[in-house]
Amino acid sequence: MPKMKTKSSCKKRFKVTATGKVKTGQAGKRHGMIKRTNKFIRTARGTTMLSAPDEKIVKGMMPYAR
């Protein structure tokens, strides 16, 4: 059997941690910061983990991610 392909968009956006959780960049930080509260901007730094239902979708597109 040939190898399954990983979805290119998932390759660029997600990483799978050693425990199997999916890590991604925080949403809502690209533009429009002037309307966001300082609290939102502060808490949206760095990365975040996907919820279980979203994680299931992403893992389906990344067949070789553990």
PDB file of N, CA and C in Angstrom:
ATOM      1  N   MET A   1       0.841  -1.202   0.000  1.00  0.00           N
ATOM      2  CA  MET A   1       0.000   0.000   0.000  1.00  0.00           C
ATOM      3  C   MET A   1       0.877   1.253   0.000  1.00  0.00           C
ATOM      4  N   PRO A   2       0.468   2.271  -0.748  1.00  0.00           N
ATOM      5  CA  PRO A   2       1.217   3.531  -0.697  1.00  0.00           C
ATOM      6  C   PRO A   2       0.966   4.260   0.624  1.00  0.00           C
ATOM      7  N   LYS A   3       1.866   5.152   0.930  1.00  0.00           N
ATOM      8  CA  LYS A   3       1.709   5.932   2.164  1.00  0.00           C
ATOM      9  C   LYS A   3       0.527   6.880   2.040  1.00  0.00           C
ATOM     10  N   MET A   4      -0.114   7.152   3.181  1.00  0.00           N
ATOM     11  CA  MET A   4      -1.194   8.138   3.211  1.00  0.00           C
ATOM     12  C   MET A   4      -0.559   9.521   3.267  1.00  0.00           C
ATOM     13  N   LYS A   5      -1.235  10.505   2.684  1.00  0.00           N
ATOM     14  CA  LYS A   5      -0.710  11.867   2.699  1.00  0.00           C
ATOM     15  C   LYS A   5      -1.255  12.654   3.884  1.00  0.00           C
ATOM     16  N   THR A   6      -0.392  13.472   4.460  1.00  0.00           N
ATOM     17  CA  THR A   6      -0.785  14.397   5.515  1.00  0.00           C
ATOM     18  C   THR A   6      -1.303  15.661   4.846  1.00  0.00           C
ATOM     19  N   LYS A   7      -2.402  16.206   5.371  1.00  0.00           N
ATOM     20  CA  LYS A   7      -2.972  17.445   4.842  1.00  0.00           C
ATOM     21  C   LYS A   7      -1.971  18.577   5.058  1.00  0.00           C
ATOM     22  N   SER A   8      -1.617  19.281   3.985  1.00  0.00           N
ATOM     23  CA  SER A   8      -0.589  20.321   4.057  1.00  0.00           C
ATOM     24  C   SER A   8      -0.958  21.448   5.022  1.00  0.00           C
ATOM     25  N   SER A   9      -2.244  21.790   5.083  1.00  0.00           N
ATOM     26  CA  SER A   9      -2.675  22.869   5.982  1.00  0.00           C
ATOM     27  C   SER A   9      -2.453  22.478   7.438  1.00  0.00           C
ATOM     28  N   CYS A  10      -2.624  21.209   7.756  1.00  0.00           N
ATOM     29  CA  CYS A  10      -2.429  20.739   9.132  1.00  0.00           C
ATOM     30  C   CYS A  10      -0.947  20.711   9.501  1.00  0.00           C
ATOM     31  N   LYS A  11      -0.120  20.361   8.533  1.00  0.00           N
ATOM     32  CA  LYS A  11       1.327  20.354   8.746  1.00  0.00           C
ATOM     33  C   LYS A  11       1.809  21.709   9.233  1.00  0.00           C
ATOM     34  N   LYS A  12       1.251  22.754   8.590  1.00  0.00           N
ATOM     35  CA  LYS A  12       1.695  24.116   8.872  1.00  0.00           C
ATOM     36  C   LYS A  12       1.132  24.662  10.184  1.00  0.00           C
ATOM     37  N   ARG A  13      -0.047  24.211  10.586  1.00  0.00           N
ATOM     38  CA  ARG A  13      -0.750  24.850  11.693  1.00  0.00           C
ATOM     39  C   ARG A  13      -0.693  24.124  13.024  1.00  0.00           C
ATOM     40  N   PHE A  14      -0.455  22.816  13.017  1.00  0.00           N
ATOM     41  CA  PHE A  14      -0.576  22.026  14.246  1.00  0.00           C
ATOM     42  C   PHE A  14       0.666  21.205  14.528  1.00  0.00           C
ATOM     43  N   LYS A  15       0.914  20.965  15.818  1.00  0.00           N
ATOM     44  CA  LYS A  15       1.948  20.040  16.274  1.00  0.00           C
ATOM     45  C   LYS A  15       1.279  19.107  17.282  1.00  0.00           C
ATOM     46  N   VAL A  16       1.719  17.849  17.305  1.00  0.00           N
ATOM     47  CA  VAL A  16       1.186  16.898  18.272  1.00  0.00           C
ATOM     48  C   VAL A  16       2.229  16.719  19.368  1.00  0.00           C
ATOM     49  N   THR A  17       1.790  16.861  20.625  1.00  0.00           N
ATOM     50  CA  THR A  17       2.700  16.749  21.759  1.00  0.00           C
ATOM     51  C   THR A  17       2.989  15.283  22.060  1.00  0.00           C
ATOM     52  N   ALA A  18       3.911  15.038  22.978  1.00  0.00           N
ATOM     53  CA  ALA A  18       4.290  13.675  23.351  1.00  0.00           C
ATOM     54  C   ALA A  18       3.126  12.926  23.994  1.00  0.00           C
ATOM     55  N   THR A  19       2.224  13.651  24.637  1.00  0.00           N
ATOM     56  CA  THR A  19       1.069  13.004  25.270  1.00  0.00           C
ATOM     57  C   THR A  19      -0.098  12.839  24.302  1.00  0.00           C
ATOM     58  N   GLY A  20       0.067  13.321  23.063  1.00  0.00           N
ATOM     59  CA  GLY A  20      -0.965  13.124  22.047  1.00  0.00           C
ATOM     60  C   GLY A  20      -1.942  14.270  21.890  1.00  0.00           C
ATOM     61  N   LYS A  21      -1.724  15.366  22.614  1.00  0.00           N
ATOM     62  CA  LYS A  21      -2.595  16.526  22.455  1.00  0.00           C
ATOM     63  C   LYS A  21      -2.136  17.339  21.251  1.00  0.00           C
ATOM     64  N   VAL A  22      -3.060  18.133  20.697  1.00  0.00           N
ATOM     65  CA  VAL A  22      -2.732  18.936  19.512  1.00  0.00           C
ATOM     66  C   VAL A  22      -2.540  20.387  19.926  1.00  0.00           C
ATOM     67  N   LYS A  23      -1.350  20.920  19.606  1.00  0.00           N
ATOM     68  CA  LYS A  23      -0.985  22.288  19.973  1.00  0.00           C
ATOM     69  C   LYS A  23      -1.150  23.177  18.751  1.00  0.00           C
ATOM     70  N   THR A  24      -1.705  24.380  18.961  1.00  0.00           N
ATOM     71  CA  THR A  24      -1.901  25.322  17.861  1.00  0.00           C
ATOM     72  C   THR A  24      -1.726  26.756  18.348  1.00  0.00           C
ATOM     73  N   GLY A  25      -1.574  27.663  17.403  1.00  0.00           N
ATOM     74  CA  GLY A  25      -1.467  29.078  17.747  1.00  0.00           C
ATOM     75  C   GLY A  25      -2.804  29.621  18.215  1.00  0.00           C
ATOM     76  N   GLN A  26      -2.766  30.633  19.029  1.00  0.00           N
ATOM     77  CA  GLN A  26      -3.976  31.221  19.578  1.00  0.00           C
ATOM     78  C   GLN A  26      -4.749  31.979  18.495  1.00  0.00           C
ATOM     79  N   ALA A  27      -6.059  31.798  18.469  1.00  0.00           N
ATOM     80  CA  ALA A  27      -6.901  32.459  17.466  1.00  0.00           C
ATOM     81  C   ALA A  27      -7.222  33.891  17.870  1.00  0.00           C
ATOM     82  N   GLY A  28      -7.540  34.715  16.872  1.00  0.00           N
ATOM     83  CA  GLY A  28      -8.032  36.063  17.133  1.00  0.00           C
ATOM     84  C   GLY A  28      -6.974  37.114  17.346  1.00  0.00           C
ATOM     85  N   LYS A  29      -5.737  36.873  16.875  1.00  0.00           N
ATOM     86  CA  LYS A  29      -4.667  37.832  17.121  1.00  0.00           C
ATOM     87  C   LYS A  29      -4.055  38.408  15.847  1.00  0.00           C
ATOM     88  N   ARG A  30      -4.699  38.245  14.706  1.00  0.00           N
ATOM     89  CA  ARG A  30      -4.114  38.696  13.447  1.00  0.00           C
ATOM     90  C   ARG A  30      -4.295  40.185  13.194  1.00  0.00           C
ATOM     91  N   HIS A  31      -5.473  40.685  13.469  1.00  0.00           N
ATOM     92  CA  HIS A  31      -5.738  42.102  13.219  1.00  0.00           C
ATOM     93  C   HIS A  31      -6.869  42.553  14.128  1.00  0.00           C
ATOM     94  N   GLY A  32      -7.151  43.854  14.148  1.00  0.00           N
ATOM     95  CA  GLY A  32      -8.240  44.387  14.976  1.00  0.00           C
ATOM     96  C   GLY A  32      -7.914  44.414  16.450  1.00  0.00           C
ATOM     97  N   MET A  33      -6.628  44.565  16.795  1.00  0.00           N
ATOM     98  CA  MET A  33      -6.239  44.562  18.211  1.00  0.00           C
ATOM     99  C   MET A  33      -6.767  45.775  18.964  1.00  0.00           C
ATOM    100  N   ILE A  34      -7.078  46.839  18.229  1.00  0.00           N
ATOM    101  CA  ILE A  34      -7.543  48.055  18.895  1.00  0.00           C
ATOM    102  C   ILE A  34      -8.901  47.841  19.568  1.00  0.00           C
ATOM    103  N   LYS A  35      -9.710  46.931  19.010  1.00  0.00           N
ATOM    104  CA  LYS A  35     -11.000  46.674  19.655  1.00  0.00           C
ATOM    105  C   LYS A  35     -10.943  45.612  20.736  1.00  0.00           C
ATOM    106  N   ARG A  36      -9.857  44.870  20.807  1.00  0.00           N
ATOM    107  CA  ARG A  36      -9.729  43.825  21.826  1.00  0.00           C
ATOM    108  C   ARG A  36      -9.350  44.438  23.164  1.00  0.00           C
ATOM    109  N   THR A  37      -9.759  43.771  24.222  1.00  0.00           N
ATOM    110  CA  THR A  37      -9.371  44.257  25.547  1.00  0.00           C
ATOM    111  C   THR A  37      -7.930  43.854  25.828  1.00  0.00           C
ATOM    112  N   ASN A  38      -7.300  44.577  26.730  1.00  0.00           N
ATOM    113  CA  ASN A  38      -5.932  44.247  27.114  1.00  0.00           C
ATOM    114  C   ASN A  38      -5.870  42.861  27.734  1.00  0.00           C
ATOM    115  N   LYS A  39      -6.910  42.492  28.457  1.00  0.00           N
ATOM    116  CA  LYS A  39      -6.959  41.169  29.083  1.00  0.00           C
ATOM    117  C   LYS A  39      -6.962  40.075  28.019  1.00  0.00           C
ATOM    118  N   PHE A  40      -7.745  40.266  26.949  1.00  0.00           N
ATOM    119  CA  PHE A  40      -7.790  39.272  25.866  1.00  0.00           C
ATOM    120  C   PHE A  40      -6.423  39.114  25.219  1.00  0.00           C
ATOM    121  N   ILE A  41      -5.787  40.244  24.909  1.00  0.00           N
ATOM    122  CA  ILE A  41      -4.491  40.222  24.245  1.00  0.00           C
ATOM    123  C   ILE A  41      -3.455  39.512  25.119  1.00  0.00           C
ATOM    124  N   ARG A  42      -3.506  39.770  26.405  1.00  0.00           N
ATOM    125  CA  ARG A  42      -2.561  39.165  27.348  1.00  0.00           C
ATOM    126  C   ARG A  42      -2.757  37.649  27.447  1.00  0.00           C
ATOM    127  N   THR A  43      -4.018  37.230  27.570  1.00  0.00           N
ATOM    128  CA  THR A  43      -4.287  35.799  27.746  1.00  0.00           C
ATOM    129  C   THR A  43      -4.157  35.008  26.447  1.00  0.00           C
ATOM    130  N   ALA A  44      -4.149  35.700  25.300  1.00  0.00           N
ATOM    131  CA  ALA A  44      -4.061  35.016  24.010  1.00  0.00           C
ATOM    132  C   ALA A  44      -2.626  34.907  23.492  1.00  0.00           C
ATOM    133  N   ARG A  45      -1.647  35.076  24.356  1.00  0.00           N
ATOM    134  CA  ARG A  45      -0.250  34.927  23.955  1.00  0.00           C
ATOM    135  C   ARG A  45       0.102  33.463  23.748  1.00  0.00           C
ATOM    136  N   GLY A  46       1.108  33.231  22.939  1.00  0.00           N
ATOM    137  CA  GLY A  46       1.653  31.883  22.824  1.00  0.00           C
ATOM    138  C   GLY A  46       0.753  30.905  22.103  1.00  0.00           C
ATOM    139  N   THR A  47       0.694  29.674  22.618  1.00  0.00           N
ATOM    140  CA  THR A  47      -0.057  28.603  21.967  1.00  0.00           C
ATOM    141  C   THR A  47      -1.154  28.091  22.888  1.00  0.00           C
ATOM    142  N   THR A  48      -2.016  27.249  22.321  1.00  0.00           N
ATOM    143  CA  THR A  48      -3.105  26.659  23.085  1.00  0.00           C
ATOM    144  C   THR A  48      -3.323  25.224  22.611  1.00  0.00           C
ATOM    145  N   MET A  49      -4.051  24.447  23.387  1.00  0.00           N
ATOM    146  CA  MET A  49      -4.382  23.073  23.015  1.00  0.00           C
ATOM    147  C   MET A  49      -5.792  23.030  22.434  1.00  0.00           C
ATOM    148  N   LEU A  50      -6.000  22.185  21.446  1.00  0.00           N
ATOM    149  CA  LEU A  50      -7.327  22.037  20.848  1.00  0.00           C
ATOM    150  C   LEU A  50      -8.230  21.234  21.769  1.00  0.00           C
ATOM    151  N   SER A  51      -9.539  21.464  21.645  1.00  0.00           N
ATOM    152  CA  SER A  51     -10.509  20.675  22.391  1.00  0.00           C
ATOM    153  C   SER A  51     -10.571  19.271  21.801  1.00  0.00           C
ATOM    154  N   ALA A  52     -11.120  18.331  22.535  1.00  0.00           N
ATOM    155  CA  ALA A  52     -11.166  16.925  22.112  1.00  0.00           C
ATOM    156  C   ALA A  52     -11.869  16.715  20.764  1.00  0.00           C
ATOM    157  N   PRO A  53     -13.056  17.334  20.508  1.00  0.00           N
ATOM    158  CA  PRO A  53     -13.693  17.134  19.205  1.00  0.00           C
ATOM    159  C   PRO A  53     -12.871  17.687  18.038  1.00  0.00           C
ATOM    160  N   ASP A  54     -12.247  18.851  18.240  1.00  0.00           N
ATOM    161  CA  ASP A  54     -11.418  19.443  17.191  1.00  0.00           C
ATOM    162  C   ASP A  54     -10.156  18.608  16.962  1.00  0.00           C
ATOM    163  N   GLU A  55      -9.616  18.096  18.067  1.00  0.00           N
ATOM    164  CA  GLU A  55      -8.420  17.267  18.007  1.00  0.00           C
ATOM    165  C   GLU A  55      -8.661  16.027  17.143  1.00  0.00           C
ATOM    166  N   LYS A  56      -9.835  15.452  17.277  1.00  0.00           N
ATOM    167  CA  LYS A  56     -10.200  14.250  16.520  1.00  0.00           C
ATOM    168  C   LYS A  56     -10.207  14.539  15.013  1.00  0.00           C
ATOM    169  N   ILE A  57     -10.720  15.699  14.630  1.00  0.00           N
ATOM    170  CA  ILE A  57     -10.779  16.104  13.216  1.00  0.00           C
ATOM    171  C   ILE A  57      -9.362  16.277  12.665  1.00  0.00           C
ATOM    172  N   VAL A  58      -8.528  16.978  13.412  1.00  0.00           N
ATOM    173  CA  VAL A  58      -7.169  17.268  12.960  1.00  0.00           C
ATOM    174  C   VAL A  58      -6.348  15.987  12.852  1.00  0.00           C
ATOM    175  N   LYS A  59      -6.478  15.107  13.823  1.00  0.00           N
ATOM    176  CA  LYS A  59      -5.705  13.862  13.803  1.00  0.00           C
ATOM    177  C   LYS A  59      -6.086  12.985  12.623  1.00  0.00           C
ATOM    178  N   GLY A  60      -7.321  13.108  12.146  1.00  0.00           N
ATOM    179  CA  GLY A  60      -7.748  12.381  10.960  1.00  0.00           C
ATOM    180  C   GLY A  60      -7.021  12.839   9.710  1.00  0.00           C
ATOM    181  N   MET A  61      -6.594  14.104   9.705  1.00  0.00           N
ATOM    182  CA  MET A  61      -5.875  14.663   8.568  1.00  0.00           C
ATOM    183  C   MET A  61      -4.369  14.476   8.672  1.00  0.00           C
ATOM    184  N   MET A  62      -3.907  13.997   9.845  1.00  0.00           N
ATOM    185  CA  MET A  62      -2.474  13.770  10.072  1.00  0.00           C
ATOM    186  C   MET A  62      -2.266  12.297  10.455  1.00  0.00           C
ATOM    187  N   PRO A  63      -2.260  11.403   9.482  1.00  0.00           N
ATOM    188  CA  PRO A  63      -2.258   9.969   9.798  1.00  0.00           C
ATOM    189  C   PRO A  63      -1.033   9.467  10.548  1.00  0.00           C
ATOM    190  N   TYR A  64       0.118  10.134  10.414  1.00  0.00           N
ATOM    191  CA  TYR A  64       1.324   9.633  11.058  1.00  0.00           C
ATOM    192  C   TYR A  64       1.679  10.378  12.332  1.00  0.00           C
ATOM    193  N   ALA A  65       0.863  11.332  12.744  1.00  0.00           N
ATOM    194  CA  ALA A  65       1.090  12.039  14.013  1.00  0.00           C
ATOM    195  C   ALA A  65       0.606  11.138  15.143  1.00  0.00           C
ATOM    196  N   ARG A  66       1.392  11.010  16.170  1.00  0.00           N
ATOM    197  CA  ARG A  66       1.009  10.127  17.272  1.00  0.00           C
ATOM    198  C   ARG A  66       0.234  10.860  18.275  1.00  0.00           C
TER     199      ARG A  66
END
